[in-house]
Amino acid sequence: MRSRPLRLSIAAVGALLLTLALMPSCSSTWPRRNPTGEVFPTVAGKSLAGDAVTLPAVGAGAPLLLLVGYEQEAQFDLDRWLFGLDQAGWRVRTFEVPTLPGLVPRLLAGTIDGGMRRGIPAEDWASVVTVYGDGARIAEFTGNEDGLTGRIVLLDRAGKVVWFHDRGFSVAQLKALMAAASVL
């Protein structure tokens, strides 16, 4: 008869192998694309504060900025956007949207969200909306190829993309975003 620790180790290795086998079939890569002029897909997410959020409906009737990230490493780019927006006096409602398509991230959602909460002050949790189940809809909409840069998506009052950028932060692009938002 095997000991309990050995059975647990065998089960853990089995679960890891199953996870690794499922990972390639659980997410897809879509080519980068500029969705300007298109209506953003309606997706469900959950804020780090625990609130269910529907995007873009949460911003219905007002412009909305979404800072979409597909990989943890995109946080560096998104942080530069957040700092720049703050310094420029940004006033449009903004959500950071970690987007994790695939089965494996959904299975690990509690762990992933817990890790993000540890790195983000509680007063900012409501503005971080993680999208798991509908993540593929966003990834297909903007493309998730080269996920190291964020997707910066400005929506008008009707949820249509009026400005989009996916090549990393630059002051020139921040100024272009500010100009686009000023006419909304």
N, C-alpha and C. Protein backbone atom coordinates (compact mmCIF):
# COMPACT_ATOMS: atom_id res chain seq x y z
N MET A 1 0.85 -1.19 0.00
CA MET A 1 0.00 0.00 0.00
C MET A 1 0.89 1.24 0.00
N ARG A 2 0.54 2.21 -0.85
CA ARG A 2 1.33 3.44 -0.95
C ARG A 2 1.00 4.36 0.21
N SER A 3 1.99 5.17 0.57
CA SER A 3 1.76 6.14 1.64
C SER A 3 0.96 7.32 1.11
N ARG A 4 0.31 8.04 2.00
CA ARG A 4 -0.51 9.19 1.61
C ARG A 4 0.31 10.25 0.87
N PRO A 5 1.52 10.66 1.34
CA PRO A 5 2.30 11.66 0.60
C PRO A 5 2.64 11.21 -0.81
N LEU A 6 2.93 9.92 -0.99
CA LEU A 6 3.26 9.43 -2.32
C LEU A 6 2.04 9.50 -3.23
N ARG A 7 0.86 9.13 -2.73
CA ARG A 7 -0.37 9.22 -3.53
C ARG A 7 -0.64 10.66 -3.91
N LEU A 8 -0.45 11.60 -2.98
CA LEU A 8 -0.65 13.01 -3.28
C LEU A 8 0.34 13.49 -4.33
N SER A 9 1.58 13.05 -4.27
CA SER A 9 2.59 13.44 -5.25
C SER A 9 2.23 12.91 -6.63
N ILE A 10 1.78 11.66 -6.69
CA ILE A 10 1.37 11.09 -7.98
C ILE A 10 0.18 11.85 -8.53
N ALA A 11 -0.78 12.20 -7.67
CA ALA A 11 -1.96 12.96 -8.11
C ALA A 11 -1.54 14.34 -8.60
N ALA A 12 -0.61 15.00 -7.91
CA ALA A 12 -0.16 16.33 -8.31
C ALA A 12 0.55 16.28 -9.67
N VAL A 13 1.40 15.27 -9.87
CA VAL A 13 2.08 15.13 -11.15
C VAL A 13 1.07 14.86 -12.26
N GLY A 14 0.08 14.03 -11.97
CA GLY A 14 -0.98 13.75 -12.95
C GLY A 14 -1.75 15.00 -13.31
N ALA A 15 -2.10 15.81 -12.31
CA ALA A 15 -2.83 17.06 -12.57
C ALA A 15 -1.98 18.02 -13.39
N LEU A 16 -0.69 18.10 -13.08
CA LEU A 16 0.21 18.97 -13.84
C LEU A 16 0.30 18.52 -15.29
N LEU A 17 0.46 17.22 -15.51
CA LEU A 17 0.54 16.71 -16.88
C LEU A 17 -0.75 16.97 -17.64
N LEU A 18 -1.90 16.79 -16.98
CA LEU A 18 -3.19 17.06 -17.62
C LEU A 18 -3.29 18.55 -17.98
N THR A 19 -2.89 19.41 -17.06
CA THR A 19 -2.92 20.86 -17.31
C THR A 19 -2.04 21.21 -18.50
N LEU A 20 -0.83 20.67 -18.54
CA LEU A 20 0.08 20.96 -19.65
C LEU A 20 -0.46 20.43 -20.96
N ALA A 21 -1.13 19.30 -20.91
CA ALA A 21 -1.71 18.74 -22.13
C ALA A 21 -2.88 19.58 -22.64
N LEU A 22 -3.65 20.16 -21.72
CA LEU A 22 -4.81 20.95 -22.10
C LEU A 22 -4.46 22.37 -22.52
N MET A 23 -3.35 22.92 -22.05
CA MET A 23 -3.02 24.32 -22.29
C MET A 23 -3.03 24.71 -23.76
N PRO A 24 -2.42 23.97 -24.65
CA PRO A 24 -2.43 24.41 -26.05
C PRO A 24 -3.83 24.47 -26.65
N SER A 25 -4.74 23.64 -26.16
CA SER A 25 -6.08 23.62 -26.73
C SER A 25 -7.01 24.62 -26.07
N CYS A 26 -6.54 25.30 -25.05
CA CYS A 26 -7.42 26.16 -24.28
C CYS A 26 -7.33 27.63 -24.65
N SER A 27 -6.34 28.01 -25.39
CA SER A 27 -6.26 29.41 -25.79
C SER A 27 -5.74 29.48 -27.22
N SER A 28 -6.07 30.57 -27.85
CA SER A 28 -5.66 30.77 -29.23
C SER A 28 -4.95 32.11 -29.34
N THR A 29 -4.21 32.25 -30.42
CA THR A 29 -3.55 33.51 -30.71
C THR A 29 -4.20 34.10 -31.95
N TRP A 30 -4.63 35.35 -31.82
CA TRP A 30 -5.23 36.06 -32.94
C TRP A 30 -4.28 37.17 -33.37
N PRO A 31 -4.18 37.43 -34.66
CA PRO A 31 -3.29 38.49 -35.14
C PRO A 31 -3.73 39.86 -34.65
N ARG A 32 -2.75 40.73 -34.46
CA ARG A 32 -3.05 42.11 -34.05
C ARG A 32 -3.92 42.76 -35.11
N ARG A 33 -4.87 43.56 -34.64
CA ARG A 33 -5.74 44.28 -35.57
C ARG A 33 -6.22 45.55 -34.92
N ASN A 34 -6.53 46.54 -35.72
CA ASN A 34 -7.03 47.82 -35.24
C ASN A 34 -8.55 47.83 -35.41
N PRO A 35 -9.30 47.78 -34.29
CA PRO A 35 -10.75 47.72 -34.38
C PRO A 35 -11.43 49.10 -34.37
N THR A 36 -10.70 50.16 -34.66
CA THR A 36 -11.29 51.50 -34.66
C THR A 36 -12.51 51.52 -35.58
N GLY A 37 -13.59 52.10 -35.07
CA GLY A 37 -14.84 52.18 -35.81
C GLY A 37 -15.80 51.05 -35.52
N GLU A 38 -15.35 50.01 -34.83
CA GLU A 38 -16.19 48.87 -34.50
C GLU A 38 -16.70 48.99 -33.07
N VAL A 39 -17.82 48.34 -32.80
CA VAL A 39 -18.39 48.33 -31.44
C VAL A 39 -17.67 47.25 -30.63
N PHE A 40 -17.23 47.63 -29.45
CA PHE A 40 -16.54 46.70 -28.55
C PHE A 40 -17.50 45.60 -28.14
N PRO A 41 -17.05 44.34 -28.10
CA PRO A 41 -17.96 43.25 -27.72
C PRO A 41 -18.39 43.38 -26.26
N THR A 42 -19.60 42.99 -25.98
CA THR A 42 -20.09 42.98 -24.60
C THR A 42 -19.52 41.75 -23.91
N VAL A 43 -18.80 41.97 -22.81
CA VAL A 43 -18.14 40.88 -22.08
C VAL A 43 -18.40 41.02 -20.59
N ALA A 44 -18.34 39.90 -19.91
CA ALA A 44 -18.53 39.87 -18.46
C ALA A 44 -17.19 39.65 -17.78
N GLY A 45 -16.97 40.38 -16.71
CA GLY A 45 -15.76 40.23 -15.92
C GLY A 45 -16.08 40.45 -14.46
N LYS A 46 -15.05 40.43 -13.67
CA LYS A 46 -15.21 40.64 -12.23
C LYS A 46 -14.08 41.53 -11.75
N SER A 47 -14.44 42.58 -11.01
CA SER A 47 -13.40 43.47 -10.49
C SER A 47 -12.66 42.76 -9.36
N LEU A 48 -11.47 43.23 -9.07
CA LEU A 48 -10.73 42.67 -7.94
C LEU A 48 -11.43 42.95 -6.63
N ALA A 49 -12.37 43.92 -6.62
CA ALA A 49 -13.17 44.20 -5.43
C ALA A 49 -14.30 43.19 -5.28
N GLY A 50 -14.49 42.33 -6.30
CA GLY A 50 -15.51 41.28 -6.23
C GLY A 50 -16.81 41.59 -6.94
N ASP A 51 -16.89 42.74 -7.62
CA ASP A 51 -18.12 43.13 -8.30
C ASP A 51 -18.17 42.57 -9.72
N ALA A 52 -19.35 42.06 -10.11
CA ALA A 52 -19.56 41.64 -11.49
C ALA A 52 -19.64 42.90 -12.35
N VAL A 53 -18.95 42.89 -13.48
CA VAL A 53 -18.89 44.06 -14.35
C VAL A 53 -19.14 43.61 -15.78
N THR A 54 -20.00 44.35 -16.48
CA THR A 54 -20.20 44.11 -17.90
C THR A 54 -19.58 45.27 -18.66
N LEU A 55 -18.68 44.93 -19.57
CA LEU A 55 -18.04 45.95 -20.40
C LEU A 55 -18.60 45.83 -21.80
N PRO A 56 -18.87 46.89 -22.49
CA PRO A 56 -18.70 48.28 -22.09
C PRO A 56 -19.92 48.86 -21.38
N ALA A 57 -20.94 48.04 -21.06
CA ALA A 57 -22.18 48.54 -20.48
C ALA A 57 -21.95 49.39 -19.23
N VAL A 58 -20.90 49.09 -18.46
CA VAL A 58 -20.63 49.84 -17.25
C VAL A 58 -20.40 51.32 -17.57
N GLY A 59 -19.94 51.60 -18.78
CA GLY A 59 -19.69 52.99 -19.17
C GLY A 59 -20.76 53.55 -20.08
N ALA A 60 -21.87 52.83 -20.24
CA ALA A 60 -22.91 53.25 -21.19
C ALA A 60 -23.30 54.71 -20.94
N GLY A 61 -23.35 55.45 -22.02
CA GLY A 61 -23.72 56.86 -21.93
C GLY A 61 -22.55 57.78 -21.67
N ALA A 62 -21.36 57.23 -21.48
CA ALA A 62 -20.17 58.04 -21.24
C ALA A 62 -18.98 57.37 -21.91
N PRO A 63 -17.98 58.14 -22.30
CA PRO A 63 -16.77 57.53 -22.85
C PRO A 63 -16.11 56.60 -21.82
N LEU A 64 -15.38 55.65 -22.30
CA LEU A 64 -14.74 54.66 -21.43
C LEU A 64 -13.39 54.28 -22.03
N LEU A 65 -12.36 54.23 -21.19
CA LEU A 65 -11.04 53.80 -21.64
C LEU A 65 -10.74 52.44 -21.02
N LEU A 66 -10.33 51.51 -21.88
CA LEU A 66 -9.96 50.17 -21.43
C LEU A 66 -8.48 49.95 -21.72
N LEU A 67 -7.74 49.55 -20.70
CA LEU A 67 -6.32 49.21 -20.83
C LEU A 67 -6.25 47.69 -20.73
N VAL A 68 -6.19 47.04 -21.87
CA VAL A 68 -6.28 45.58 -21.94
C VAL A 68 -4.89 44.97 -21.94
N GLY A 69 -4.70 43.96 -21.09
CA GLY A 69 -3.44 43.23 -21.06
C GLY A 69 -3.69 41.74 -21.18
N TYR A 70 -2.85 41.06 -21.98
CA TYR A 70 -2.99 39.62 -22.19
C TYR A 70 -1.93 38.80 -21.46
N GLU A 71 -0.83 39.42 -21.08
CA GLU A 71 0.24 38.72 -20.39
C GLU A 71 0.68 39.55 -19.19
N GLN A 72 1.19 38.89 -18.17
CA GLN A 72 1.63 39.60 -16.97
C GLN A 72 2.68 40.65 -17.31
N GLU A 73 3.52 40.35 -18.28
CA GLU A 73 4.58 41.28 -18.65
C GLU A 73 4.04 42.57 -19.27
N ALA A 74 2.79 42.58 -19.71
CA ALA A 74 2.18 43.79 -20.27
C ALA A 74 1.95 44.84 -19.19
N GLN A 75 2.03 44.43 -17.93
CA GLN A 75 1.80 45.37 -16.84
C GLN A 75 2.75 46.56 -16.88
N PHE A 76 3.97 46.33 -17.30
CA PHE A 76 4.95 47.42 -17.41
C PHE A 76 4.42 48.50 -18.35
N ASP A 77 3.92 48.11 -19.52
CA ASP A 77 3.37 49.05 -20.49
C ASP A 77 2.13 49.74 -19.92
N LEU A 78 1.24 48.97 -19.33
CA LEU A 78 0.00 49.55 -18.79
C LEU A 78 0.29 50.52 -17.66
N ASP A 79 1.27 50.22 -16.83
CA ASP A 79 1.64 51.16 -15.76
C ASP A 79 2.13 52.48 -16.34
N ARG A 80 2.91 52.43 -17.42
CA ARG A 80 3.36 53.68 -18.05
C ARG A 80 2.16 54.47 -18.56
N TRP A 81 1.17 53.79 -19.15
CA TRP A 81 -0.03 54.49 -19.59
C TRP A 81 -0.75 55.12 -18.40
N LEU A 82 -0.89 54.38 -17.31
CA LEU A 82 -1.59 54.92 -16.13
C LEU A 82 -0.87 56.13 -15.56
N PHE A 83 0.46 56.08 -15.46
CA PHE A 83 1.21 57.23 -14.96
C PHE A 83 1.05 58.43 -15.89
N GLY A 84 1.16 58.18 -17.19
CA GLY A 84 1.00 59.27 -18.16
C GLY A 84 -0.39 59.88 -18.11
N LEU A 85 -1.41 59.05 -18.03
CA LEU A 85 -2.78 59.55 -17.95
C LEU A 85 -2.99 60.40 -16.70
N ASP A 86 -2.45 59.94 -15.59
CA ASP A 86 -2.58 60.70 -14.34
C ASP A 86 -1.88 62.05 -14.46
N GLN A 87 -0.68 62.05 -14.99
CA GLN A 87 0.07 63.29 -15.14
C GLN A 87 -0.62 64.26 -16.10
N ALA A 88 -1.33 63.73 -17.08
CA ALA A 88 -2.01 64.57 -18.08
C ALA A 88 -3.38 65.05 -17.60
N GLY A 89 -3.81 64.62 -16.41
CA GLY A 89 -5.10 65.06 -15.88
C GLY A 89 -6.29 64.33 -16.50
N TRP A 90 -6.12 63.08 -16.86
CA TRP A 90 -7.16 62.26 -17.50
C TRP A 90 -8.41 62.22 -16.64
N ARG A 91 -9.59 62.38 -17.27
CA ARG A 91 -10.86 62.43 -16.55
C ARG A 91 -11.89 61.40 -17.02
N VAL A 92 -11.57 60.61 -18.04
CA VAL A 92 -12.50 59.61 -18.56
C VAL A 92 -12.42 58.35 -17.69
N ARG A 93 -13.57 57.75 -17.41
CA ARG A 93 -13.59 56.52 -16.63
C ARG A 93 -12.70 55.48 -17.30
N THR A 94 -11.85 54.83 -16.50
CA THR A 94 -10.84 53.93 -17.03
C THR A 94 -10.84 52.62 -16.25
N PHE A 95 -10.71 51.52 -16.99
CA PHE A 95 -10.56 50.21 -16.38
C PHE A 95 -9.32 49.53 -16.95
N GLU A 96 -8.56 48.93 -16.06
CA GLU A 96 -7.49 48.03 -16.48
C GLU A 96 -8.16 46.66 -16.63
N VAL A 97 -7.93 46.00 -17.78
CA VAL A 97 -8.67 44.77 -18.08
C VAL A 97 -7.71 43.62 -18.38
N PRO A 98 -7.23 42.92 -17.33
CA PRO A 98 -6.47 41.70 -17.59
C PRO A 98 -7.40 40.71 -18.29
N THR A 99 -6.99 40.22 -19.44
CA THR A 99 -7.83 39.36 -20.27
C THR A 99 -7.11 38.03 -20.46
N LEU A 100 -7.73 36.96 -19.92
CA LEU A 100 -7.08 35.66 -19.89
C LEU A 100 -7.98 34.61 -20.53
N PRO A 101 -7.92 34.48 -21.86
CA PRO A 101 -8.74 33.48 -22.51
C PRO A 101 -8.23 32.07 -22.20
N GLY A 102 -9.11 31.11 -22.26
CA GLY A 102 -8.72 29.71 -22.11
C GLY A 102 -9.24 29.08 -20.84
N LEU A 103 -9.25 27.76 -20.84
CA LEU A 103 -9.76 26.99 -19.71
C LEU A 103 -8.86 27.06 -18.49
N VAL A 104 -7.56 26.92 -18.70
CA VAL A 104 -6.63 26.88 -17.57
C VAL A 104 -6.70 28.16 -16.73
N PRO A 105 -6.66 29.37 -17.33
CA PRO A 105 -6.79 30.57 -16.49
C PRO A 105 -8.11 30.60 -15.70
N ARG A 106 -9.20 30.13 -16.33
CA ARG A 106 -10.48 30.10 -15.59
C ARG A 106 -10.39 29.20 -14.38
N LEU A 107 -9.70 28.07 -14.53
CA LEU A 107 -9.55 27.15 -13.40
C LEU A 107 -8.69 27.75 -12.29
N LEU A 108 -7.79 28.64 -12.66
CA LEU A 108 -6.87 29.26 -11.70
C LEU A 108 -7.28 30.69 -11.34
N ALA A 109 -8.50 31.09 -11.67
CA ALA A 109 -8.94 32.48 -11.49
C ALA A 109 -8.74 32.99 -10.07
N GLY A 110 -9.08 32.21 -9.08
CA GLY A 110 -8.92 32.65 -7.69
C GLY A 110 -7.48 32.94 -7.34
N THR A 111 -6.58 32.09 -7.78
CA THR A 111 -5.15 32.27 -7.52
C THR A 111 -4.62 33.48 -8.27
N ILE A 112 -5.01 33.62 -9.53
CA ILE A 112 -4.54 34.74 -10.34
C ILE A 112 -5.04 36.06 -9.76
N ASP A 113 -6.33 36.15 -9.45
CA ASP A 113 -6.88 37.38 -8.87
C ASP A 113 -6.25 37.69 -7.51
N GLY A 114 -6.01 36.65 -6.72
CA GLY A 114 -5.36 36.86 -5.42
C GLY A 114 -3.97 37.44 -5.58
N GLY A 115 -3.23 36.96 -6.57
CA GLY A 115 -1.90 37.49 -6.84
C GLY A 115 -1.95 38.95 -7.25
N MET A 116 -2.95 39.29 -8.09
CA MET A 116 -3.08 40.70 -8.50
C MET A 116 -3.46 41.58 -7.30
N ARG A 117 -4.33 41.08 -6.43
CA ARG A 117 -4.72 41.88 -5.25
C ARG A 117 -3.51 42.18 -4.37
N ARG A 118 -2.59 41.22 -4.28
CA ARG A 118 -1.40 41.45 -3.44
C ARG A 118 -0.53 42.56 -4.00
N GLY A 119 -0.58 42.80 -5.32
CA GLY A 119 0.27 43.81 -5.94
C GLY A 119 -0.42 45.13 -6.23
N ILE A 120 -1.72 45.22 -5.91
CA ILE A 120 -2.49 46.43 -6.22
C ILE A 120 -3.16 46.91 -4.93
N PRO A 121 -3.06 48.20 -4.61
CA PRO A 121 -3.71 48.71 -3.40
C PRO A 121 -5.23 48.51 -3.46
N ALA A 122 -5.83 48.20 -2.34
CA ALA A 122 -7.27 47.91 -2.26
C ALA A 122 -8.13 49.02 -2.86
N GLU A 123 -7.69 50.28 -2.74
CA GLU A 123 -8.50 51.39 -3.27
C GLU A 123 -8.58 51.37 -4.80
N ASP A 124 -7.73 50.60 -5.45
CA ASP A 124 -7.75 50.50 -6.92
C ASP A 124 -8.42 49.23 -7.44
N TRP A 125 -8.83 48.33 -6.56
CA TRP A 125 -9.38 47.05 -6.98
C TRP A 125 -10.62 47.18 -7.87
N ALA A 126 -11.46 48.15 -7.61
CA ALA A 126 -12.70 48.30 -8.39
C ALA A 126 -12.42 48.68 -9.84
N SER A 127 -11.25 49.24 -10.13
CA SER A 127 -10.93 49.66 -11.50
C SER A 127 -10.13 48.61 -12.28
N VAL A 128 -9.95 47.44 -11.69
CA VAL A 128 -9.29 46.33 -12.37
C VAL A 128 -10.33 45.23 -12.57
N VAL A 129 -10.68 44.99 -13.83
CA VAL A 129 -11.73 44.02 -14.16
C VAL A 129 -11.10 42.88 -14.95
N THR A 130 -11.03 41.71 -14.34
CA THR A 130 -10.45 40.56 -15.01
C THR A 130 -11.52 39.85 -15.82
N VAL A 131 -11.18 39.54 -17.07
CA VAL A 131 -12.11 38.85 -17.96
C VAL A 131 -11.52 37.48 -18.28
N TYR A 132 -12.22 36.44 -17.87
CA TYR A 132 -11.80 35.06 -18.13
C TYR A 132 -12.66 34.44 -19.24
N GLY A 133 -13.89 34.11 -18.93
CA GLY A 133 -14.75 33.39 -19.86
C GLY A 133 -14.91 34.06 -21.21
N ASP A 134 -15.08 35.38 -21.21
CA ASP A 134 -15.25 36.13 -22.46
C ASP A 134 -13.92 36.66 -23.00
N GLY A 135 -12.83 36.23 -22.41
CA GLY A 135 -11.52 36.75 -22.81
C GLY A 135 -11.20 36.53 -24.28
N ALA A 136 -11.65 35.41 -24.84
CA ALA A 136 -11.38 35.13 -26.25
C ALA A 136 -12.06 36.14 -27.16
N ARG A 137 -13.21 36.67 -26.74
CA ARG A 137 -13.91 37.66 -27.56
C ARG A 137 -13.09 38.94 -27.67
N ILE A 138 -12.47 39.35 -26.55
CA ILE A 138 -11.63 40.56 -26.58
C ILE A 138 -10.35 40.27 -27.37
N ALA A 139 -9.74 39.11 -27.12
CA ALA A 139 -8.50 38.76 -27.81
C ALA A 139 -8.69 38.72 -29.32
N GLU A 140 -9.81 38.17 -29.76
CA GLU A 140 -10.07 38.13 -31.19
C GLU A 140 -10.35 39.54 -31.73
N PHE A 141 -10.98 40.38 -30.92
CA PHE A 141 -11.34 41.74 -31.33
C PHE A 141 -10.11 42.62 -31.56
N THR A 142 -9.12 42.54 -30.66
CA THR A 142 -7.93 43.39 -30.77
C THR A 142 -6.72 42.63 -31.29
N GLY A 143 -6.77 41.32 -31.21
CA GLY A 143 -5.59 40.50 -31.46
C GLY A 143 -4.79 40.41 -30.17
N ASN A 144 -4.28 39.22 -29.88
CA ASN A 144 -3.46 39.05 -28.68
C ASN A 144 -2.05 38.60 -29.02
N GLU A 145 -1.72 38.61 -30.30
CA GLU A 145 -0.38 38.32 -30.74
C GLU A 145 0.55 39.39 -30.17
N ASP A 146 1.72 39.00 -29.68
CA ASP A 146 2.63 39.92 -29.00
C ASP A 146 1.92 40.60 -27.85
N GLY A 147 1.60 39.82 -26.85
CA GLY A 147 0.87 40.33 -25.69
C GLY A 147 1.70 41.13 -24.72
N LEU A 148 2.95 41.46 -25.06
CA LEU A 148 3.79 42.23 -24.15
C LEU A 148 3.37 43.69 -24.06
N THR A 149 2.64 44.17 -25.06
CA THR A 149 2.15 45.55 -24.99
C THR A 149 0.65 45.51 -24.73
N GLY A 150 0.17 46.54 -24.05
CA GLY A 150 -1.26 46.63 -23.79
C GLY A 150 -2.02 47.07 -25.02
N ARG A 151 -3.31 46.87 -24.97
CA ARG A 151 -4.20 47.39 -26.01
C ARG A 151 -4.98 48.52 -25.35
N ILE A 152 -4.81 49.72 -25.87
CA ILE A 152 -5.43 50.91 -25.30
C ILE A 152 -6.64 51.23 -26.18
N VAL A 153 -7.83 51.14 -25.58
CA VAL A 153 -9.07 51.20 -26.35
C VAL A 153 -9.97 52.29 -25.76
N LEU A 154 -10.20 53.36 -26.53
CA LEU A 154 -11.11 54.43 -26.11
C LEU A 154 -12.45 54.22 -26.80
N LEU A 155 -13.50 54.12 -25.99
CA LEU A 155 -14.85 53.90 -26.50
C LEU A 155 -15.67 55.18 -26.36
N ASP A 156 -16.54 55.42 -27.35
CA ASP A 156 -17.45 56.56 -27.23
C ASP A 156 -18.66 56.15 -26.38
N ARG A 157 -19.63 57.02 -26.30
CA ARG A 157 -20.82 56.78 -25.46
C ARG A 157 -21.62 55.55 -25.89
N ALA A 158 -21.48 55.14 -27.14
CA ALA A 158 -22.22 53.99 -27.67
C ALA A 158 -21.39 52.70 -27.63
N GLY A 159 -20.16 52.77 -27.12
CA GLY A 159 -19.31 51.58 -27.05
C GLY A 159 -18.50 51.32 -28.30
N LYS A 160 -18.45 52.29 -29.21
CA LYS A 160 -17.67 52.15 -30.44
C LYS A 160 -16.23 52.61 -30.18
N VAL A 161 -15.28 51.88 -30.75
CA VAL A 161 -13.86 52.23 -30.60
C VAL A 161 -13.58 53.47 -31.44
N VAL A 162 -13.16 54.55 -30.76
CA VAL A 162 -12.83 55.79 -31.47
C VAL A 162 -11.31 56.04 -31.51
N TRP A 163 -10.58 55.29 -30.70
CA TRP A 163 -9.12 55.42 -30.70
C TRP A 163 -8.55 54.11 -30.19
N PHE A 164 -7.47 53.65 -30.82
CA PHE A 164 -6.86 52.37 -30.45
C PHE A 164 -5.35 52.46 -30.66
N HIS A 165 -4.62 51.83 -29.74
CA HIS A 165 -3.15 51.78 -29.86
C HIS A 165 -2.66 50.48 -29.22
N ASP A 166 -1.69 49.82 -29.87
CA ASP A 166 -1.16 48.56 -29.33
C ASP A 166 0.34 48.40 -29.52
N ARG A 167 1.07 49.51 -29.58
CA ARG A 167 2.52 49.43 -29.83
C ARG A 167 3.34 49.96 -28.66
N GLY A 168 2.78 50.01 -27.48
CA GLY A 168 3.52 50.49 -26.32
C GLY A 168 3.32 51.97 -26.08
N PHE A 169 3.58 52.39 -24.86
CA PHE A 169 3.37 53.78 -24.47
C PHE A 169 4.33 54.71 -25.20
N SER A 170 3.80 55.85 -25.60
CA SER A 170 4.65 56.95 -26.08
C SER A 170 3.92 58.25 -25.75
N VAL A 171 4.68 59.30 -25.53
CA VAL A 171 4.08 60.60 -25.22
C VAL A 171 3.24 61.08 -26.40
N ALA A 172 3.71 60.85 -27.61
CA ALA A 172 2.95 61.27 -28.80
C ALA A 172 1.59 60.58 -28.84
N GLN A 173 1.55 59.29 -28.50
CA GLN A 173 0.28 58.57 -28.51
C GLN A 173 -0.61 59.01 -27.35
N LEU A 174 -0.02 59.35 -26.22
CA LEU A 174 -0.81 59.90 -25.11
C LEU A 174 -1.49 61.19 -25.54
N LYS A 175 -0.76 62.05 -26.22
CA LYS A 175 -1.34 63.31 -26.71
C LYS A 175 -2.46 63.04 -27.73
N ALA A 176 -2.27 62.03 -28.59
CA ALA A 176 -3.31 61.68 -29.56
C ALA A 176 -4.56 61.17 -28.85
N LEU A 177 -4.36 60.37 -27.81
CA LEU A 177 -5.49 59.87 -27.01
C LEU A 177 -6.22 61.02 -26.32
N MET A 178 -5.47 61.94 -25.76
CA MET A 178 -6.09 63.11 -25.10
C MET A 178 -6.91 63.91 -26.10
N ALA A 179 -6.38 64.10 -27.30
CA ALA A 179 -7.11 64.85 -28.34
C ALA A 179 -8.39 64.13 -28.73
N ALA A 180 -8.32 62.80 -28.88
CA ALA A 180 -9.50 62.02 -29.26
C ALA A 180 -10.56 62.10 -28.16
N ALA A 181 -10.14 62.06 -26.90
CA ALA A 181 -11.09 62.11 -25.80
C ALA A 181 -11.71 63.49 -25.64
N SER A 182 -10.99 64.52 -26.02
CA SER A 182 -11.49 65.89 -25.83
C SER A 182 -12.73 66.20 -26.66
N VAL A 183 -12.97 65.46 -27.73
CA VAL A 183 -14.14 65.71 -28.57
C VAL A 183 -15.33 64.80 -28.25
N LEU A 184 -15.15 63.92 -27.26
CA LEU A 184 -16.25 63.01 -26.89
C LEU A 184 -17.23 63.66 -25.93
